[in-house]
Amino acid sequence: MTSAAADRDSPTPPRRPAILAVGGAHIDRRGRMTADFVPGASIPGVMVEEVGGGAFNAIRNAVQRGVGASLMSVRGADSAGEAVARAMAESGVADLSAVFLDRATPSYTALVDRHGEVLVGLADMALYEMAFPKQLRRSKMREAAAAADAVFCDCNLPAAALDTLTALAAGRPVFAIAISPAKATRLAKLLDRLACLFMNMREASALAGMDAEDGPPALAAELRRRGLAAGIISAGGAPVTGFDRDGIFTLQPPAPRRIADATGAGDALAGAVAAALLRGVPFRAALREGVAQAMLTLESPAAVAHIPDAAFAEALAMVPEAVPAG
């Protein structure tokens, strides 16, 4: 058989699902304390800086779990913007971002206690508020959305931009990360356009207009009533609550073997779940994949961990099945 004939007879690799992500890609700074936190006191620690952002973190995790991706963000023409560009090139995510010569690249600075929990974060993200609405009206964004199998966004986009983006999706699945209680409410009028929303307890509470003490099942029921087809509510080491049109269920995450840093765990869960759903994995099984990805991220000092397939398979075997919410 000739080489050309062999090439013709070789099976064609299956096409990977493609996600268009829109949202945060910026500098993340984390001050990790090495002693117990005392309000008003000077605490010894280490400052770590890397490229992050909800959408960028999530989509890098999704790529590791078998999808192709492009990302549109906005950044400045400064050293921070150059670092973001390098990180995108290294990640294999196609960069559709706009660069503003007279603006600073957004940043997020968090203080993390010695157990890995975020105490407070400061978001310097004025460029997102200013630039995203106009960028999403450009023709190249319509073309990018038309070429994608799904859209992924975070609530760093202002409400007007989220409205435009979910309309551009034109029936394709839209996955979203709530980002913060204040920003989660930007989705209040768009819940019926989302395929799945990823949030923590405080974000779910803000969006549902309820007290967090009402509990995840009650929050899930209210968000379903308001039009959200599916969602996942995380609560640290407590059970994760998921819901879709078939009901509300919970999954107890396995205890991490160690906690290096909690930053990025929620983004990892979101990216892995979205990738699994696009590969045709059922929702409850997709949540197991997200929990495994999040656990491995907790065990890594990086906000986006490099996770070999063997390590992922080992972690996934530790994740129990979801059960109906009691």
Protein backbone atom coordinates (compact mmCIF):
# COMPACT_ATOMS: atom_id res chain seq x y z
CA MET A 1 0.00 0.00 0.00
CA THR A 2 1.37 3.42 -0.92
CA SER A 3 1.80 6.10 1.69
CA ALA A 4 -0.97 8.19 0.08
CA ALA A 5 -3.35 5.21 0.13
CA ALA A 6 -2.51 4.50 3.77
CA ASP A 7 -3.30 8.11 4.63
CA ARG A 8 -6.68 7.83 2.88
CA ASP A 9 -7.53 4.62 4.74
CA SER A 10 -6.49 5.92 8.17
CA PRO A 11 -9.42 6.81 10.42
CA THR A 12 -10.01 10.55 10.76
CA PRO A 13 -9.64 11.71 14.38
CA PRO A 14 -12.97 12.89 15.80
CA ARG A 15 -13.43 16.65 15.77
CA ARG A 16 -13.11 18.24 19.18
CA PRO A 17 -16.04 20.41 20.31
CA ALA A 18 -15.14 24.10 20.16
CA ILE A 19 -15.92 26.70 22.83
CA LEU A 20 -15.85 30.46 22.41
CA ALA A 21 -15.01 31.99 25.79
CA VAL A 22 -15.54 35.66 26.59
CA GLY A 23 -14.45 37.22 29.86
CA GLY A 24 -11.60 37.75 32.26
CA ALA A 25 -7.96 37.18 31.31
CA HIS A 26 -5.80 39.31 33.54
CA ILE A 27 -3.13 39.36 36.24
CA ASP A 28 -3.96 37.50 39.46
CA ARG A 29 -1.96 38.33 42.56
CA ARG A 30 -2.34 36.21 45.69
CA GLY A 31 -0.80 37.06 49.04
CA ARG A 32 -0.42 33.70 50.80
CA MET A 33 -0.15 34.04 54.56
CA THR A 34 2.21 31.73 56.42
CA ALA A 35 0.80 32.52 59.85
CA ASP A 36 -2.70 32.79 61.29
CA PHE A 37 -4.74 35.77 60.10
CA VAL A 38 -5.24 38.52 62.68
CA PRO A 39 -7.36 41.53 61.58
CA GLY A 40 -5.39 44.77 61.53
CA ALA A 41 -2.05 43.02 61.98
CA SER A 42 0.93 42.56 59.67
CA ILE A 43 1.00 38.90 58.61
CA PRO A 44 4.07 37.23 57.11
CA GLY A 45 3.52 35.60 53.75
CA VAL A 46 4.45 35.31 50.08
CA MET A 47 3.02 37.23 47.12
CA VAL A 48 2.43 35.12 44.00
CA GLU A 49 1.57 36.59 40.59
CA GLU A 50 0.27 34.71 37.55
CA VAL A 51 -2.16 35.14 34.68
CA GLY A 52 -5.72 34.22 35.57
CA GLY A 53 -9.32 35.35 35.18
CA GLY A 54 -12.51 33.29 35.51
CA ALA A 55 -13.10 32.66 31.82
CA PHE A 56 -9.41 32.07 31.02
CA ASN A 57 -8.90 29.72 33.97
CA ALA A 58 -12.03 27.74 33.12
CA ILE A 59 -11.29 27.43 29.42
CA ARG A 60 -7.75 26.19 30.06
CA ASN A 61 -9.23 23.45 32.21
CA ALA A 62 -11.75 22.67 29.47
CA VAL A 63 -8.95 22.29 26.93
CA GLN A 64 -7.27 19.75 29.20
CA ARG A 65 -10.53 17.79 29.21
CA GLY A 66 -10.81 17.48 25.45
CA VAL A 67 -12.25 20.57 23.78
CA GLY A 68 -10.83 23.28 21.53
CA ALA A 69 -11.17 26.89 22.58
CA SER A 70 -10.82 30.53 21.66
CA LEU A 71 -11.09 33.46 24.05
CA MET A 72 -12.00 37.10 23.61
CA SER A 73 -10.93 39.42 26.39
CA VAL A 74 -9.58 42.96 26.60
CA ARG A 75 -6.24 44.14 27.94
CA GLY A 76 -3.81 47.04 27.93
CA ALA A 77 -0.59 47.48 25.98
CA ASP A 78 1.56 47.08 29.09
CA SER A 79 3.80 44.40 30.60
CA ALA A 80 0.79 42.75 32.22
CA GLY A 81 -0.95 42.58 28.86
CA GLU A 82 2.16 41.00 27.33
CA ALA A 83 2.10 38.36 30.10
CA VAL A 84 -1.55 37.59 29.31
CA ALA A 85 -0.73 37.23 25.60
CA ARG A 86 2.13 34.83 26.36
CA ALA A 87 -0.05 32.73 28.65
CA MET A 88 -2.72 32.43 25.97
CA ALA A 89 -0.17 31.38 23.36
CA GLU A 90 1.24 28.74 25.70
CA SER A 91 -2.22 27.39 26.61
CA GLY A 92 -3.31 26.54 23.07
CA VAL A 93 -6.31 28.88 23.36
CA ALA A 94 -6.84 31.05 20.26
CA ASP A 95 -6.52 34.72 21.26
CA LEU A 96 -9.29 36.97 19.90
CA SER A 97 -8.66 39.74 22.41
CA ALA A 98 -8.57 43.48 21.84
CA VAL A 99 -5.57 45.52 23.07
CA PHE A 100 -5.96 49.15 24.22
CA LEU A 101 -2.82 51.26 23.96
CA ASP A 102 -3.90 53.80 26.57
CA ARG A 103 -5.34 51.45 29.21
CA ALA A 104 -3.96 49.26 31.98
CA THR A 105 -4.58 45.52 31.94
CA PRO A 106 -7.13 44.51 34.60
CA SER A 107 -5.93 42.74 37.73
CA TYR A 108 -7.24 40.87 40.75
CA THR A 109 -5.43 40.84 44.09
CA ALA A 110 -6.44 38.37 46.80
CA LEU A 111 -5.28 37.71 50.36
CA VAL A 112 -5.29 33.99 51.14
CA ASP A 113 -4.98 32.54 54.66
CA ARG A 114 -2.51 29.81 55.48
CA HIS A 115 -5.21 27.18 54.91
CA GLY A 116 -5.69 28.31 51.31
CA GLU A 117 -8.99 30.16 51.76
CA VAL A 118 -9.49 33.59 50.18
CA LEU A 119 -10.10 36.28 52.82
CA VAL A 120 -10.63 39.27 50.52
CA GLY A 121 -10.09 40.19 46.90
CA LEU A 122 -9.65 43.53 45.14
CA ALA A 123 -10.74 43.67 41.48
CA ASP A 124 -9.25 46.49 39.36
CA MET A 125 -11.28 45.86 36.20
CA ALA A 126 -12.54 49.17 34.82
CA LEU A 127 -11.42 48.20 31.30
CA TYR A 128 -13.89 45.30 31.26
CA GLU A 129 -16.77 47.62 32.09
CA MET A 130 -15.78 50.07 29.37
CA ALA A 131 -14.70 47.83 26.52
CA PHE A 132 -16.69 44.59 26.44
CA PRO A 133 -20.05 46.02 25.25
CA LYS A 134 -18.47 47.60 22.14
CA GLN A 135 -16.20 44.65 21.34
CA LEU A 136 -19.10 42.22 21.30
CA ARG A 137 -20.83 44.24 18.58
CA ARG A 138 -17.95 43.68 16.15
CA SER A 139 -18.53 41.40 13.17
CA LYS A 140 -15.65 39.09 14.12
CA MET A 141 -17.51 38.17 17.31
CA ARG A 142 -20.60 37.17 15.33
CA GLU A 143 -18.36 35.01 13.15
CA ALA A 144 -16.60 33.46 16.17
CA ALA A 145 -19.92 32.64 17.86
CA ALA A 146 -21.27 31.09 14.64
CA ALA A 147 -18.18 28.82 14.40
CA ALA A 148 -18.39 27.59 18.01
CA ASP A 149 -20.36 24.70 19.47
CA ALA A 150 -20.89 26.56 22.75
CA VAL A 151 -20.18 29.87 24.46
CA PHE A 152 -18.55 30.29 27.87
CA CYS A 153 -18.56 33.57 29.78
CA ASP A 154 -18.04 35.07 33.20
CA CYS A 155 -19.75 37.96 34.92
CA ASN A 156 -16.77 40.25 34.51
CA LEU A 157 -18.82 41.31 31.49
CA PRO A 158 -21.29 44.11 32.29
CA ALA A 159 -24.99 43.31 31.93
CA ALA A 160 -25.30 44.86 28.47
CA ALA A 161 -22.43 42.76 27.16
CA LEU A 162 -23.90 39.58 28.67
CA ASP A 163 -27.18 40.38 26.94
CA THR A 164 -25.41 40.83 23.59
CA LEU A 165 -23.31 37.68 24.00
CA THR A 166 -26.19 35.38 24.96
CA ALA A 167 -28.10 36.68 21.94
CA LEU A 168 -25.08 36.01 19.68
CA ALA A 169 -25.05 32.41 20.90
CA ALA A 170 -28.25 31.91 18.88
CA GLY A 171 -29.38 28.73 20.59
CA ARG A 172 -25.92 27.29 21.29
CA PRO A 173 -25.28 26.26 24.91
CA VAL A 174 -24.12 29.15 27.08
CA PHE A 175 -22.12 28.34 30.23
CA ALA A 176 -21.47 31.09 32.76
CA ILE A 177 -19.47 31.69 35.95
CA ALA A 178 -21.08 34.05 38.48
CA ILE A 179 -17.67 35.49 39.67
CA SER A 180 -19.02 37.36 42.74
CA PRO A 181 -22.31 38.09 44.55
CA ALA A 182 -22.38 41.65 43.16
CA LYS A 183 -21.68 40.59 39.58
CA ALA A 184 -23.92 37.50 39.61
CA THR A 185 -27.03 39.68 39.54
CA ARG A 186 -26.06 40.85 36.04
CA LEU A 187 -27.56 37.57 34.85
CA ALA A 188 -30.91 38.05 36.60
CA LYS A 189 -32.83 38.75 33.38
CA LEU A 190 -30.88 36.24 31.28
CA LEU A 191 -31.27 33.01 33.26
CA ASP A 192 -33.48 31.38 30.64
CA ARG A 193 -30.67 31.78 28.05
CA LEU A 194 -28.11 29.75 30.03
CA ALA A 195 -27.34 26.05 29.67
CA CYS A 196 -25.60 25.99 33.07
CA LEU A 197 -24.52 28.55 35.67
CA PHE A 198 -21.64 27.90 38.09
CA MET A 199 -21.82 29.72 41.43
CA ASN A 200 -21.05 29.48 45.12
CA MET A 201 -23.54 29.85 47.96
CA ARG A 202 -23.23 33.64 48.28
CA GLU A 203 -23.60 34.14 44.53
CA ALA A 204 -26.62 31.82 44.35
CA SER A 205 -28.17 33.63 47.29
CA ALA A 206 -27.72 37.05 45.65
CA LEU A 207 -29.18 35.84 42.37
CA ALA A 208 -32.14 34.05 43.98
CA GLY A 209 -32.88 36.98 46.31
CA MET A 210 -32.81 34.63 49.31
CA ASP A 211 -30.77 34.07 52.45
CA ALA A 212 -27.91 31.62 52.05
CA GLU A 213 -29.11 29.95 55.26
CA ASP A 214 -32.15 28.70 53.33
CA GLY A 215 -29.76 26.09 51.93
CA PRO A 216 -28.65 25.02 48.46
CA PRO A 217 -31.76 22.94 47.58
CA ALA A 218 -34.04 25.91 48.29
CA LEU A 219 -31.77 28.23 46.30
CA ALA A 220 -31.72 25.75 43.43
CA ALA A 221 -35.50 25.47 43.44
CA GLU A 222 -35.87 29.25 43.28
CA LEU A 223 -33.37 29.61 40.46
CA ARG A 224 -35.20 26.90 38.51
CA ARG A 225 -38.44 28.82 39.08
CA ARG A 226 -36.76 31.93 37.67
CA GLY A 227 -35.89 30.12 34.44
CA LEU A 228 -32.41 28.66 34.95
CA ALA A 229 -32.30 25.27 33.23
CA ALA A 230 -29.30 23.90 35.12
CA GLY A 231 -26.78 25.05 37.68
CA ILE A 232 -24.11 23.98 40.11
CA ILE A 233 -23.74 25.52 43.57
CA SER A 234 -20.43 24.83 45.31
CA ALA A 235 -19.84 25.26 49.02
CA GLY A 236 -16.19 24.59 49.79
CA GLY A 237 -15.79 21.14 51.28
CA ALA A 238 -19.54 20.75 51.81
CA PRO A 239 -21.67 18.87 49.26
CA VAL A 240 -21.96 20.38 45.79
CA THR A 241 -25.57 20.91 44.71
CA GLY A 242 -26.57 20.47 41.09
CA PHE A 243 -29.91 20.87 39.42
CA ASP A 244 -31.47 20.50 36.00
CA ARG A 245 -34.96 19.84 34.65
CA ASP A 246 -34.84 16.31 36.09
CA GLY A 247 -34.35 17.43 39.69
CA ILE A 248 -31.95 18.59 42.39
CA PHE A 249 -29.06 16.44 43.54
CA THR A 250 -25.94 16.62 45.69
CA LEU A 251 -22.42 15.24 45.53
CA GLN A 252 -19.96 15.12 48.42
CA PRO A 253 -16.47 16.05 47.17
CA PRO A 254 -13.68 13.82 48.46
CA ALA A 255 -11.30 15.50 50.89
CA PRO A 256 -8.19 16.77 49.08
CA ARG A 257 -5.02 14.97 50.08
CA ARG A 258 -3.58 18.43 50.74
CA ILE A 259 -4.72 22.01 50.07
CA ALA A 260 -2.10 24.18 48.41
CA ASP A 261 -4.40 27.03 47.32
CA ALA A 262 -8.15 27.31 46.82
CA THR A 263 -7.79 29.84 44.00
CA GLY A 264 -9.10 28.53 40.69
CA ALA A 265 -10.92 25.46 42.03
CA GLY A 266 -14.35 26.77 41.07
CA ASP A 267 -13.09 27.73 37.61
CA ALA A 268 -11.61 24.24 37.20
CA LEU A 269 -14.94 22.65 38.08
CA ALA A 270 -16.77 24.87 35.58
CA GLY A 271 -14.36 24.22 32.73
CA ALA A 272 -14.31 20.47 33.23
CA VAL A 273 -18.11 20.22 33.49
CA ALA A 274 -18.62 22.29 30.34
CA ALA A 275 -16.11 20.14 28.42
CA ALA A 276 -17.76 16.92 29.59
CA LEU A 277 -21.22 18.12 28.61
CA LEU A 278 -19.97 19.04 25.13
CA ARG A 279 -18.47 15.57 24.79
CA GLY A 280 -21.95 14.15 25.47
CA VAL A 281 -21.43 13.13 29.12
CA PRO A 282 -24.68 13.19 31.19
CA PHE A 283 -25.00 16.09 33.64
CA ARG A 284 -24.47 14.16 36.87
CA ALA A 285 -21.43 12.34 35.46
CA ALA A 286 -20.10 15.66 34.14
CA LEU A 287 -20.30 17.07 37.67
CA ARG A 288 -18.13 14.18 38.89
CA GLU A 289 -15.50 15.20 36.32
CA GLY A 290 -15.70 18.80 37.49
CA VAL A 291 -15.25 17.81 41.13
CA ALA A 292 -12.20 15.71 40.25
CA GLN A 293 -10.64 18.62 38.34
CA ALA A 294 -11.36 20.99 41.22
CA MET A 295 -9.83 18.62 43.78
CA LEU A 296 -6.60 18.39 41.80
CA THR A 297 -6.54 22.19 41.46
CA LEU A 298 -6.88 22.56 45.23
CA GLU A 299 -3.83 20.34 45.59
CA SER A 300 -1.78 22.53 43.23
CA PRO A 301 -0.21 25.91 44.05
CA ALA A 302 -1.20 27.14 40.56
CA ALA A 303 -4.68 28.48 39.78
CA VAL A 304 -4.68 26.25 36.68
CA ALA A 305 -2.98 22.95 37.34
CA HIS A 306 -1.44 20.79 34.63
CA ILE A 307 -3.32 17.52 35.13
CA PRO A 308 -2.12 14.39 33.31
CA ASP A 309 -4.84 11.98 32.19
CA ALA A 310 -3.67 9.31 34.65
CA ALA A 311 -3.89 11.71 37.61
CA PHE A 312 -7.35 12.80 36.50
CA ALA A 313 -8.55 9.20 36.21
CA GLU A 314 -7.24 8.47 39.70
CA ALA A 315 -9.02 11.52 41.15
CA LEU A 316 -12.26 10.73 39.29
CA ALA A 317 -12.32 7.25 40.84
CA MET A 318 -12.41 8.95 44.26
CA VAL A 319 -15.52 11.02 43.46
CA PRO A 320 -18.82 9.41 44.54
CA GLU A 321 -22.00 9.35 42.50
CA ALA A 322 -24.50 12.16 42.88
CA VAL A 323 -27.62 11.43 44.95
CA PRO A 324 -31.04 13.15 45.02
CA ALA A 325 -31.18 16.12 47.40
CA GLY A 326 -32.85 15.17 50.65
